[in-house]
């Protein structure tokens, strides 16, 4: 699988990365540990070298699964995890990017991941309260780089202003944001800025959390426990119906290209050279192989532009 340089780091992740949110099991329906482990092993066999997780994915479970499966090939893969989203005994989440918390979290992540270093350590969310000075957060990360516990610093869910502030303290090598055919607001500022600054751009939710796979229809109703029903406006009742209408037209384009819907959606992202690695999750080996197959062909410019036009209207939503 092709690789692209991550910002000004020495990392060269595969253009498809493995997103391990579902490996945490919570909020993603039936997820079997044995099957997820098989998926991760198959991902490595398919040439995926970039694995993205976070402590909050299943309250540490995702990190444990990755640490177990990737341990034999640790030197050949890039592991990315995050800090700053914590939980209490009731499983309620809050943001804490203080020095004390980051130091605690990195030690716990190293233990769960069964490794003595983290290739890419990302601040999961910026502090909305401003309680912790940005200097405190990123000076702490700088120190962790010096200590060798982390090797590179990235940010997730930061806007351009927040990214600029982080850059004033640390060398930020990556920016991770939701980006797919439905969610394209990054094109206005974040993506151009990352390109201009030579910061690696890592899209997550490339399939709009399953919406761009074509498996949903007008009658689909997600259980209230599903993370998409709780957090993603693309799945709100009124918007969901509008999105299905667009998907029907998109399906026709995919048929003309003679490729599955999900592959076309991923390929649309990979087409852009400013994209470093597309984070795609999978709960089964079949889903994983569908994702990686998207790297074995390329959209024509005409098809790329036609698809872009289809999703230009009513398409900028943020999770």
C-alpha atoms as a PDB file:
ATOM      1  CA  UNK A   1       0.000   0.000   0.000  1.00  0.00           C
ATOM      2  CA  UNK A   2       1.214   3.503  -0.813  1.00  0.00           C
ATOM      3  CA  UNK A   3       2.472   5.739   1.979  1.00  0.00           C
ATOM      4  CA  UNK A   4       2.568   9.508   2.372  1.00  0.00           C
ATOM      5  CA  UNK A   5       4.778  11.654   4.600  1.00  0.00           C
ATOM      6  CA  UNK A   6       3.054  12.957   7.733  1.00  0.00           C
ATOM      7  CA  UNK A   7       3.730  16.673   7.895  1.00  0.00           C
ATOM      8  CA  UNK A   8       7.342  17.466   8.766  1.00  0.00           C
ATOM      9  CA  UNK A   9       7.722  14.280  10.826  1.00  0.00           C
ATOM     10  CA  UNK A  10       9.726  11.210   9.852  1.00  0.00           C
ATOM     11  CA  UNK A  11       6.545   9.135   9.745  1.00  0.00           C
ATOM     12  CA  UNK A  12       5.198   7.639   6.516  1.00  0.00           C
ATOM     13  CA  UNK A  13       1.784   6.142   7.290  1.00  0.00           C
ATOM     14  CA  UNK A  14      -0.174   4.024   4.828  1.00  0.00           C
ATOM     15  CA  UNK A  15      -2.768   6.020   2.900  1.00  0.00           C
ATOM     16  CA  UNK A  16      -5.476   3.986   4.620  1.00  0.00           C
ATOM     17  CA  UNK A  17      -5.231   3.874   8.398  1.00  0.00           C
ATOM     18  CA  UNK A  18      -7.115   1.601  10.774  1.00  0.00           C
ATOM     19  CA  UNK A  19      -9.535   3.448  13.041  1.00  0.00           C
ATOM     20  CA  UNK A  20      -9.958   1.511  16.282  1.00  0.00           C
ATOM     21  CA  UNK A  21     -12.990   3.261  17.813  1.00  0.00           C
ATOM     22  CA  UNK A  22     -15.211   0.221  17.266  1.00  0.00           C
ATOM     23  CA  UNK A  23     -12.526  -1.998  18.823  1.00  0.00           C
ATOM     24  CA  UNK A  24     -13.507  -0.363  22.102  1.00  0.00           C
ATOM     25  CA  UNK A  25     -16.937  -2.012  21.607  1.00  0.00           C
ATOM     26  CA  UNK A  26     -18.987   0.639  23.430  1.00  0.00           C
ATOM     27  CA  UNK A  27     -21.631   2.273  21.247  1.00  0.00           C
ATOM     28  CA  UNK A  28     -20.991   0.210  18.112  1.00  0.00           C
ATOM     29  CA  UNK A  29     -23.422  -2.675  18.489  1.00  0.00           C
ATOM     30  CA  UNK A  30     -22.167  -6.238  18.554  1.00  0.00           C
ATOM     31  CA  UNK A  31     -18.374  -6.296  18.418  1.00  0.00           C
ATOM     32  CA  UNK A  32     -16.488  -9.519  19.087  1.00  0.00           C
ATOM     33  CA  UNK A  33     -12.934  -9.267  20.440  1.00  0.00           C
ATOM     34  CA  UNK A  34     -11.717 -12.312  18.503  1.00  0.00           C
ATOM     35  CA  UNK A  35     -13.096 -10.933  15.264  1.00  0.00           C
ATOM     36  CA  UNK A  36     -11.634  -7.466  15.878  1.00  0.00           C
ATOM     37  CA  UNK A  37      -8.249  -9.044  16.568  1.00  0.00           C
ATOM     38  CA  UNK A  38      -8.531 -10.929  13.273  1.00  0.00           C
ATOM     39  CA  UNK A  39      -9.411  -7.656  11.528  1.00  0.00           C
ATOM     40  CA  UNK A  40      -6.318  -5.917  12.923  1.00  0.00           C
ATOM     41  CA  UNK A  41      -4.060  -8.793  11.874  1.00  0.00           C
ATOM     42  CA  UNK A  42      -5.593  -8.731   8.392  1.00  0.00           C
ATOM     43  CA  UNK A  43      -5.102  -4.953   8.240  1.00  0.00           C
ATOM     44  CA  UNK A  44      -1.382  -5.430   8.736  1.00  0.00           C
ATOM     45  CA  UNK A  45      -1.301  -8.177   6.094  1.00  0.00           C
ATOM     46  CA  UNK A  46      -3.047  -5.773   3.704  1.00  0.00           C
ATOM     47  CA  UNK A  47      -0.323  -3.178   4.160  1.00  0.00           C
ATOM     48  CA  UNK A  48      -1.921  -0.893   6.745  1.00  0.00           C
ATOM     49  CA  UNK A  49       0.819   0.511   8.960  1.00  0.00           C
ATOM     50  CA  UNK A  50      -1.121   3.310  10.704  1.00  0.00           C
ATOM     51  CA  UNK A  51      -3.395   2.534  13.694  1.00  0.00           C
ATOM     52  CA  UNK A  52      -5.406   5.255  15.419  1.00  0.00           C
ATOM     53  CA  UNK A  53      -7.066   4.854  18.801  1.00  0.00           C
ATOM     54  CA  UNK A  54      -7.848   6.760  22.026  1.00  0.00           C
ATOM     55  CA  UNK A  55      -8.268   5.918  25.710  1.00  0.00           C
ATOM     56  CA  UNK A  56     -11.928   6.959  25.527  1.00  0.00           C
ATOM     57  CA  UNK A  57     -12.708   4.224  22.970  1.00  0.00           C
ATOM     58  CA  UNK A  58     -14.265   1.682  25.283  1.00  0.00           C
ATOM     59  CA  UNK A  59     -12.594   3.190  28.367  1.00  0.00           C
ATOM     60  CA  UNK A  60      -9.195   1.827  27.417  1.00  0.00           C
ATOM     61  CA  UNK A  61     -10.355  -1.392  25.769  1.00  0.00           C
ATOM     62  CA  UNK A  62      -9.436  -0.331  22.230  1.00  0.00           C
ATOM     63  CA  UNK A  63      -5.866   0.449  23.271  1.00  0.00           C
ATOM     64  CA  UNK A  64      -5.564  -2.930  25.007  1.00  0.00           C
ATOM     65  CA  UNK A  65      -6.733  -4.808  21.909  1.00  0.00           C
ATOM     66  CA  UNK A  66      -4.336  -2.924  19.645  1.00  0.00           C
ATOM     67  CA  UNK A  67      -1.465  -3.404  22.075  1.00  0.00           C
ATOM     68  CA  UNK A  68      -2.049  -7.142  22.184  1.00  0.00           C
ATOM     69  CA  UNK A  69      -2.326  -7.698  18.434  1.00  0.00           C
ATOM     70  CA  UNK A  70       0.368  -5.289  17.264  1.00  0.00           C
ATOM     71  CA  UNK A  71       3.034  -6.253  19.803  1.00  0.00           C
ATOM     72  CA  UNK A  72       4.760  -8.785  17.455  1.00  0.00           C
ATOM     73  CA  UNK A  73       5.033  -6.167  14.681  1.00  0.00           C
ATOM     74  CA  UNK A  74       5.469  -3.077  16.843  1.00  0.00           C
ATOM     75  CA  UNK A  75       8.582  -1.806  15.068  1.00  0.00           C
ATOM     76  CA  UNK A  76       6.814  -1.903  11.701  1.00  0.00           C
ATOM     77  CA  UNK A  77       3.681   0.070  12.568  1.00  0.00           C
ATOM     78  CA  UNK A  78       2.724   3.602  13.557  1.00  0.00           C
ATOM     79  CA  UNK A  79       0.504   3.830  16.632  1.00  0.00           C
ATOM     80  CA  UNK A  80      -1.450   7.016  17.243  1.00  0.00           C
ATOM     81  CA  UNK A  81      -3.470   7.644  20.358  1.00  0.00           C
ATOM     82  CA  UNK A  82      -4.838  10.688  22.167  1.00  0.00           C
ATOM     83  CA  UNK A  83      -5.093  12.513  25.481  1.00  0.00           C
ATOM     84  CA  UNK A  84      -7.470  14.918  27.163  1.00  0.00           C
ATOM     85  CA  UNK A  85     -10.857  13.173  27.111  1.00  0.00           C
ATOM     86  CA  UNK A  86     -11.382  11.556  30.511  1.00  0.00           C
ATOM     87  CA  UNK A  87     -14.242   9.781  32.257  1.00  0.00           C
ATOM     88  CA  UNK A  88     -15.554   9.344  35.791  1.00  0.00           C
ATOM     89  CA  UNK A  89     -16.884   6.261  37.576  1.00  0.00           C
ATOM     90  CA  UNK A  90     -20.278   6.749  35.901  1.00  0.00           C
ATOM     91  CA  UNK A  91     -18.672   6.753  32.438  1.00  0.00           C
ATOM     92  CA  UNK A  92     -19.350  10.471  31.903  1.00  0.00           C
ATOM     93  CA  UNK A  93     -16.757  12.270  29.777  1.00  0.00           C
ATOM     94  CA  UNK A  94     -15.062  15.627  30.237  1.00  0.00           C
ATOM     95  CA  UNK A  95     -12.041  17.413  28.768  1.00  0.00           C
ATOM     96  CA  UNK A  96      -8.873  17.753  30.829  1.00  0.00           C
ATOM     97  CA  UNK A  97      -5.660  18.839  29.092  1.00  0.00           C
ATOM     98  CA  UNK A  98      -3.723  19.794  32.215  1.00  0.00           C
ATOM     99  CA  UNK A  99      -0.106  18.786  32.751  1.00  0.00           C
ATOM    100  CA  UNK A 100      -0.967  16.351  35.544  1.00  0.00           C
ATOM    101  CA  UNK A 101      -3.657  14.647  33.505  1.00  0.00           C
ATOM    102  CA  UNK A 102      -1.559  14.286  30.352  1.00  0.00           C
ATOM    103  CA  UNK A 103       1.304  12.751  32.337  1.00  0.00           C
ATOM    104  CA  UNK A 104      -1.146  10.299  33.909  1.00  0.00           C
ATOM    105  CA  UNK A 105      -2.775   9.457  30.595  1.00  0.00           C
ATOM    106  CA  UNK A 106       0.400   8.834  28.648  1.00  0.00           C
ATOM    107  CA  UNK A 107       1.604   6.311  31.233  1.00  0.00           C
ATOM    108  CA  UNK A 108      -1.725   4.485  31.121  1.00  0.00           C
ATOM    109  CA  UNK A 109      -1.765   4.443  27.323  1.00  0.00           C
ATOM    110  CA  UNK A 110       1.796   3.110  27.165  1.00  0.00           C
ATOM    111  CA  UNK A 111       0.804   0.302  29.508  1.00  0.00           C
ATOM    112  CA  UNK A 112      -2.385  -0.596  27.642  1.00  0.00           C
ATOM    113  CA  UNK A 113      -0.673  -0.409  24.249  1.00  0.00           C
ATOM    114  CA  UNK A 114       2.143  -2.633  25.503  1.00  0.00           C
ATOM    115  CA  UNK A 115       4.816  -0.280  24.165  1.00  0.00           C
ATOM    116  CA  UNK A 116       7.465   2.084  25.502  1.00  0.00           C
ATOM    117  CA  UNK A 117       6.762   4.871  22.989  1.00  0.00           C
ATOM    118  CA  UNK A 118       3.839   6.351  21.070  1.00  0.00           C
ATOM    119  CA  UNK A 119       4.531   7.435  17.486  1.00  0.00           C
ATOM    120  CA  UNK A 120       1.846  10.131  17.332  1.00  0.00           C
ATOM    121  CA  UNK A 121       0.245  11.582  20.466  1.00  0.00           C
ATOM    122  CA  UNK A 122      -2.748  13.811  19.771  1.00  0.00           C
ATOM    123  CA  UNK A 123      -4.746  16.196  21.914  1.00  0.00           C
ATOM    124  CA  UNK A 124      -8.209  14.718  21.445  1.00  0.00           C
ATOM    125  CA  UNK A 125     -10.181  17.946  21.899  1.00  0.00           C
ATOM    126  CA  UNK A 126      -9.214  21.534  22.689  1.00  0.00           C
ATOM    127  CA  UNK A 127     -10.199  22.847  26.112  1.00  0.00           C
ATOM    128  CA  UNK A 128     -13.485  24.750  25.564  1.00  0.00           C
ATOM    129  CA  UNK A 129     -13.301  26.348  29.003  1.00  0.00           C
ATOM    130  CA  UNK A 130      -9.836  27.814  28.598  1.00  0.00           C
ATOM    131  CA  UNK A 131      -9.111  26.631  32.122  1.00  0.00           C
ATOM    132  CA  UNK A 132      -5.791  25.115  31.143  1.00  0.00           C
ATOM    133  CA  UNK A 133      -3.408  27.504  29.326  1.00  0.00           C
ATOM    134  CA  UNK A 134      -2.425  26.137  25.936  1.00  0.00           C
ATOM    135  CA  UNK A 135       1.225  26.606  26.947  1.00  0.00           C
ATOM    136  CA  UNK A 136       0.761  24.148  29.807  1.00  0.00           C
ATOM    137  CA  UNK A 137      -0.713  21.482  27.546  1.00  0.00           C
ATOM    138  CA  UNK A 138       1.860  21.652  24.774  1.00  0.00           C
ATOM    139  CA  UNK A 139       4.918  22.289  26.931  1.00  0.00           C
ATOM    140  CA  UNK A 140       3.985  19.059  28.691  1.00  0.00           C
ATOM    141  CA  UNK A 141       3.866  17.277  25.340  1.00  0.00           C
ATOM    142  CA  UNK A 142       7.235  18.790  24.379  1.00  0.00           C
ATOM    143  CA  UNK A 143       8.706  17.329  27.549  1.00  0.00           C
ATOM    144  CA  UNK A 144       7.254  13.903  26.741  1.00  0.00           C
ATOM    145  CA  UNK A 145       9.011  14.069  23.365  1.00  0.00           C
ATOM    146  CA  UNK A 146      12.297  14.856  25.108  1.00  0.00           C
ATOM    147  CA  UNK A 147      11.722  11.883  27.432  1.00  0.00           C
ATOM    148  CA  UNK A 148      11.079   9.596  24.447  1.00  0.00           C
ATOM    149  CA  UNK A 149       7.612   8.549  25.585  1.00  0.00           C
ATOM    150  CA  UNK A 150       6.038  10.143  22.540  1.00  0.00           C
ATOM    151  CA  UNK A 151       7.716  10.897  19.226  1.00  0.00           C
ATOM    152  CA  UNK A 152       5.397  13.368  17.525  1.00  0.00           C
ATOM    153  CA  UNK A 153       2.609  15.751  18.546  1.00  0.00           C
ATOM    154  CA  UNK A 154      -0.707  16.093  16.732  1.00  0.00           C
ATOM    155  CA  UNK A 155      -4.124  17.608  17.363  1.00  0.00           C
ATOM    156  CA  UNK A 156      -7.663  16.404  16.766  1.00  0.00           C
ATOM    157  CA  UNK A 157     -10.859  18.441  16.441  1.00  0.00           C
ATOM    158  CA  UNK A 158      -8.956  21.766  16.531  1.00  0.00           C
ATOM    159  CA  UNK A 159     -10.009  24.706  14.401  1.00  0.00           C
ATOM    160  CA  UNK A 160      -7.381  26.829  12.645  1.00  0.00           C
ATOM    161  CA  UNK A 161      -7.177  29.414  15.428  1.00  0.00           C
ATOM    162  CA  UNK A 162      -6.605  26.703  18.036  1.00  0.00           C
ATOM    163  CA  UNK A 163      -4.063  25.011  15.786  1.00  0.00           C
ATOM    164  CA  UNK A 164      -2.109  28.249  15.361  1.00  0.00           C
ATOM    165  CA  UNK A 165      -1.983  28.655  19.141  1.00  0.00           C
ATOM    166  CA  UNK A 166      -0.682  25.100  19.536  1.00  0.00           C
ATOM    167  CA  UNK A 167       1.957  25.733  16.873  1.00  0.00           C
ATOM    168  CA  UNK A 168       3.281  28.662  18.882  1.00  0.00           C
ATOM    169  CA  UNK A 169       4.408  26.164  21.527  1.00  0.00           C
ATOM    170  CA  UNK A 170       4.991  22.832  19.766  1.00  0.00           C
ATOM    171  CA  UNK A 171       5.865  21.337  16.407  1.00  0.00           C
ATOM    172  CA  UNK A 172       2.436  20.062  15.324  1.00  0.00           C
ATOM    173  CA  UNK A 173       2.801  17.386  12.659  1.00  0.00           C
ATOM    174  CA  UNK A 174      -0.849  16.438  12.128  1.00  0.00           C
ATOM    175  CA  UNK A 175      -4.442  17.603  12.259  1.00  0.00           C
ATOM    176  CA  UNK A 176      -7.281  15.089  12.510  1.00  0.00           C
ATOM    177  CA  UNK A 177     -10.832  16.156  11.664  1.00  0.00           C
ATOM    178  CA  UNK A 178     -14.040  14.595  10.315  1.00  0.00           C
ATOM    179  CA  UNK A 179     -14.001  14.756   6.528  1.00  0.00           C
ATOM    180  CA  UNK A 180     -16.161  12.924   4.047  1.00  0.00           C
ATOM    181  CA  UNK A 181     -18.483  13.694   1.152  1.00  0.00           C
ATOM    182  CA  UNK A 182     -21.189  14.913   3.532  1.00  0.00           C
ATOM    183  CA  UNK A 183     -18.926  16.742   5.987  1.00  0.00           C
ATOM    184  CA  UNK A 184     -16.767  19.100   3.934  1.00  0.00           C
ATOM    185  CA  UNK A 185     -16.456  22.233   6.035  1.00  0.00           C
ATOM    186  CA  UNK A 186     -12.693  21.555   6.460  1.00  0.00           C
ATOM    187  CA  UNK A 187     -12.255  22.643   2.839  1.00  0.00           C
ATOM    188  CA  UNK A 188     -12.890  26.276   3.795  1.00  0.00           C
ATOM    189  CA  UNK A 189      -9.993  26.779   6.207  1.00  0.00           C
ATOM    190  CA  UNK A 190      -8.506  23.754   7.990  1.00  0.00           C
ATOM    191  CA  UNK A 191      -7.416  21.762   4.949  1.00  0.00           C
ATOM    192  CA  UNK A 192      -5.853  24.710   3.056  1.00  0.00           C
ATOM    193  CA  UNK A 193      -4.062  25.856   6.218  1.00  0.00           C
ATOM    194  CA  UNK A 194      -2.676  22.385   6.907  1.00  0.00           C
ATOM    195  CA  UNK A 195      -1.430  22.157   3.331  1.00  0.00           C
ATOM    196  CA  UNK A 196       0.185  25.593   3.515  1.00  0.00           C
ATOM    197  CA  UNK A 197       1.873  24.761   6.839  1.00  0.00           C
ATOM    198  CA  UNK A 198       2.937  21.263   5.720  1.00  0.00           C
ATOM    199  CA  UNK A 199       0.868  19.672   8.496  1.00  0.00           C
ATOM    200  CA  UNK A 200      -0.362  16.155   7.802  1.00  0.00           C
ATOM    201  CA  UNK A 201      -4.148  16.027   7.415  1.00  0.00           C
ATOM    202  CA  UNK A 202      -5.868  12.898   8.715  1.00  0.00           C
ATOM    203  CA  UNK A 203      -9.605  12.582   7.936  1.00  0.00           C
ATOM    204  CA  UNK A 204     -11.749  10.480  10.209  1.00  0.00           C
ATOM    205  CA  UNK A 205     -15.284   9.237   9.499  1.00  0.00           C
ATOM    206  CA  UNK A 206     -14.509   8.905   5.748  1.00  0.00           C
ATOM    207  CA  UNK A 207     -17.696   6.883   5.303  1.00  0.00           C
ATOM    208  CA  UNK A 208     -19.775   9.228   7.474  1.00  0.00           C
ATOM    209  CA  UNK A 209     -19.956   6.485  10.119  1.00  0.00           C
ATOM    210  CA  UNK A 210     -21.467   4.023   7.645  1.00  0.00           C
ATOM    211  CA  UNK A 211     -23.825   6.355   5.793  1.00  0.00           C
ATOM    212  CA  UNK A 212     -21.634   6.262   2.666  1.00  0.00           C
ATOM    213  CA  UNK A 213     -21.595   2.464   2.507  1.00  0.00           C
ATOM    214  CA  UNK A 214     -25.117   2.319   1.101  1.00  0.00           C
ATOM    215  CA  UNK A 215     -26.326  -0.065   3.798  1.00  0.00           C
ATOM    216  CA  UNK A 216     -28.981   2.322   5.137  1.00  0.00           C
ATOM    217  CA  UNK A 217     -32.385   3.134   3.627  1.00  0.00           C
ATOM    218  CA  UNK A 218     -35.435   5.254   4.455  1.00  0.00           C
ATOM    219  CA  UNK A 219     -36.641   2.716   7.028  1.00  0.00           C
ATOM    220  CA  UNK A 220     -33.369   2.462   8.973  1.00  0.00           C
ATOM    221  CA  UNK A 221     -33.634   3.443  12.629  1.00  0.00           C
ATOM    222  CA  UNK A 222     -30.606   3.219  14.866  1.00  0.00           C
ATOM    223  CA  UNK A 223     -30.999   2.175  18.520  1.00  0.00           C
ATOM    224  CA  UNK A 224     -30.630   5.017  21.013  1.00  0.00           C
ATOM    225  CA  UNK A 225     -27.511   3.344  22.405  1.00  0.00           C
ATOM    226  CA  UNK A 226     -25.747   3.686  19.046  1.00  0.00           C
ATOM    227  CA  UNK A 227     -23.077   6.411  19.109  1.00  0.00           C
ATOM    228  CA  UNK A 228     -24.285   7.733  15.735  1.00  0.00           C
ATOM    229  CA  UNK A 229     -27.812   8.280  17.019  1.00  0.00           C
ATOM    230  CA  UNK A 230     -26.391  10.139  20.019  1.00  0.00           C
ATOM    231  CA  UNK A 231     -23.736  12.341  18.394  1.00  0.00           C
ATOM    232  CA  UNK A 232     -23.984  12.547  14.615  1.00  0.00           C
ATOM    233  CA  UNK A 233     -26.403  15.099  13.075  1.00  0.00           C
ATOM    234  CA  UNK A 234     -26.195  13.248   9.772  1.00  0.00           C
ATOM    235  CA  UNK A 235     -28.418  10.610  11.399  1.00  0.00           C
ATOM    236  CA  UNK A 236     -31.051  12.976  12.796  1.00  0.00           C
ATOM    237  CA  UNK A 237     -34.475  12.017  11.412  1.00  0.00           C
ATOM    238  CA  UNK A 238     -35.047  14.929   9.033  1.00  0.00           C
ATOM    239  CA  UNK A 239     -31.473  15.154   7.781  1.00  0.00           C
ATOM    240  CA  UNK A 240     -31.153  11.396   7.415  1.00  0.00           C
ATOM    241  CA  UNK A 241     -33.956  11.258   4.827  1.00  0.00           C
ATOM    242  CA  UNK A 242     -32.361  14.074   2.812  1.00  0.00           C
ATOM    243  CA  UNK A 243     -29.043  12.257   2.898  1.00  0.00           C
ATOM    244  CA  UNK A 244     -30.583   9.018   1.638  1.00  0.00           C
ATOM    245  CA  UNK A 245     -31.884  10.904  -1.414  1.00  0.00           C
ATOM    246  CA  UNK A 246     -28.323  12.037  -2.208  1.00  0.00           C
ATOM    247  CA  UNK A 247     -27.005   8.521  -1.609  1.00  0.00           C
ATOM    248  CA  UNK A 248     -29.397   7.158  -4.238  1.00  0.00           C
ATOM    249  CA  UNK A 249     -27.851   9.417  -6.899  1.00  0.00           C
ATOM    250  CA  UNK A 250     -24.360   8.601  -5.622  1.00  0.00           C
ATOM    251  CA  UNK A 251     -25.141   4.902  -5.942  1.00  0.00           C
ATOM    252  CA  UNK A 252     -25.862   5.418  -9.633  1.00  0.00           C
ATOM    253  CA  UNK A 253     -22.464   7.067 -10.127  1.00  0.00           C
ATOM    254  CA  UNK A 254     -20.727   4.210  -8.280  1.00  0.00           C
ATOM    255  CA  UNK A 255     -22.479   1.657 -10.505  1.00  0.00           C
ATOM    256  CA  UNK A 256     -21.249   3.475 -13.596  1.00  0.00           C
ATOM    257  CA  UNK A 257     -17.697   3.367 -12.183  1.00  0.00           C
ATOM    258  CA  UNK A 258     -18.293  -0.311 -11.325  1.00  0.00           C
ATOM    259  CA  UNK A 259     -17.016   0.050  -7.790  1.00  0.00           C
ATOM    260  CA  UNK A 260     -18.721  -0.291  -4.374  1.00  0.00           C
ATOM    261  CA  UNK A 261     -20.050   2.889  -2.785  1.00  0.00           C
ATOM    262  CA  UNK A 262     -17.637   2.758   0.151  1.00  0.00           C
ATOM    263  CA  UNK A 263     -14.601   2.423  -2.110  1.00  0.00           C
ATOM    264  CA  UNK A 264     -15.679   5.394  -4.197  1.00  0.00           C
ATOM    265  CA  UNK A 265     -16.130   7.519  -1.045  1.00  0.00           C
ATOM    266  CA  UNK A 266     -12.666   6.604   0.271  1.00  0.00           C
ATOM    267  CA  UNK A 267     -11.108   7.042  -3.157  1.00  0.00           C
ATOM    268  CA  UNK A 268     -12.537  10.549  -3.353  1.00  0.00           C
ATOM    269  CA  UNK A 269     -10.458  11.427  -0.270  1.00  0.00           C
ATOM    270  CA  UNK A 270      -7.307   9.576  -1.349  1.00  0.00           C
ATOM    271  CA  UNK A 271      -7.474  11.472  -4.656  1.00  0.00           C
ATOM    272  CA  UNK A 272      -6.375  14.590  -2.770  1.00  0.00           C
ATOM    273  CA  UNK A 273      -2.607  14.683  -2.303  1.00  0.00           C
ATOM    274  CA  UNK A 274      -2.944  16.913   0.787  1.00  0.00           C
ATOM    275  CA  UNK A 275      -4.593  13.983   2.594  1.00  0.00           C
ATOM    276  CA  UNK A 276      -1.978  11.921   4.433  1.00  0.00           C
ATOM    277  CA  UNK A 277      -3.925   8.901   5.683  1.00  0.00           C
ATOM    278  CA  UNK A 278      -7.647   8.171   5.731  1.00  0.00           C
ATOM    279  CA  UNK A 279      -8.766   6.689   9.063  1.00  0.00           C
ATOM    280  CA  UNK A 280     -11.275   3.951   8.257  1.00  0.00           C
ATOM    281  CA  UNK A 281     -12.808   1.690  10.885  1.00  0.00           C
ATOM    282  CA  UNK A 282     -13.921  -1.896  10.384  1.00  0.00           C
ATOM    283  CA  UNK A 283     -15.641  -4.482  12.563  1.00  0.00           C
ATOM    284  CA  UNK A 284     -15.193  -7.412  10.184  1.00  0.00           C
ATOM    285  CA  UNK A 285     -12.495  -8.682   7.856  1.00  0.00           C
ATOM    286  CA  UNK A 286     -14.877  -8.174   4.934  1.00  0.00           C
ATOM    287  CA  UNK A 287     -15.288  -4.481   5.799  1.00  0.00           C
ATOM    288  CA  UNK A 288     -11.541  -4.095   6.195  1.00  0.00           C
ATOM    289  CA  UNK A 289     -10.808  -5.649   2.813  1.00  0.00           C
ATOM    290  CA  UNK A 290     -13.440  -3.421   1.217  1.00  0.00           C
ATOM    291  CA  UNK A 291     -11.649  -0.381   2.631  1.00  0.00           C
ATOM    292  CA  UNK A 292      -8.174  -1.423   1.514  1.00  0.00           C
ATOM    293  CA  UNK A 293      -9.423  -2.295  -1.980  1.00  0.00           C
ATOM    294  CA  UNK A 294     -10.067   1.423  -2.464  1.00  0.00           C
ATOM    295  CA  UNK A 295      -6.292   1.952  -2.732  1.00  0.00           C
ATOM    296  CA  UNK A 296      -5.959  -0.317  -5.761  1.00  0.00           C
ATOM    297  CA  UNK A 297      -7.550   2.045  -8.269  1.00  0.00           C
ATOM    298  CA  UNK A 298      -8.018   5.787  -8.811  1.00  0.00           C
ATOM    299  CA  UNK A 299     -10.989   7.952  -9.717  1.00  0.00           C
ATOM    300  CA  UNK A 300     -10.767   9.786 -13.009  1.00  0.00           C
ATOM    301  CA  UNK A 301     -10.774  13.568 -12.767  1.00  0.00           C
ATOM    302  CA  UNK A 302     -14.203  13.647 -14.402  1.00  0.00           C
ATOM    303  CA  UNK A 303     -15.695  11.228 -11.860  1.00  0.00           C
ATOM    304  CA  UNK A 304     -14.030  13.078  -8.986  1.00  0.00           C
ATOM    305  CA  UNK A 305     -15.542  16.380 -10.106  1.00  0.00           C
ATOM    306  CA  UNK A 306     -18.990  14.884 -10.713  1.00  0.00           C
ATOM    307  CA  UNK A 307     -19.066  13.397  -7.222  1.00  0.00           C
ATOM    308  CA  UNK A 308     -17.825  16.650  -5.686  1.00  0.00           C
ATOM    309  CA  UNK A 309     -20.621  18.605  -7.369  1.00  0.00           C
ATOM    310  CA  UNK A 310     -23.273  16.165  -6.149  1.00  0.00           C
ATOM    311  CA  UNK A 311     -22.297  16.735  -2.514  1.00  0.00           C
ATOM    312  CA  UNK A 312     -21.610  20.462  -2.723  1.00  0.00           C
ATOM    313  CA  UNK A 313     -25.093  21.454  -1.549  1.00  0.00           C
ATOM    314  CA  UNK A 314     -26.201  20.925   2.029  1.00  0.00           C
ATOM    315  CA  UNK A 315     -23.022  19.124   2.960  1.00  0.00           C
ATOM    316  CA  UNK A 316     -21.169  20.807   5.803  1.00  0.00           C
ATOM    317  CA  UNK A 317     -21.982  19.204   9.139  1.00  0.00           C
ATOM    318  CA  UNK A 318     -19.770  18.779  12.163  1.00  0.00           C
ATOM    319  CA  UNK A 319     -20.040  15.963  14.695  1.00  0.00           C
END
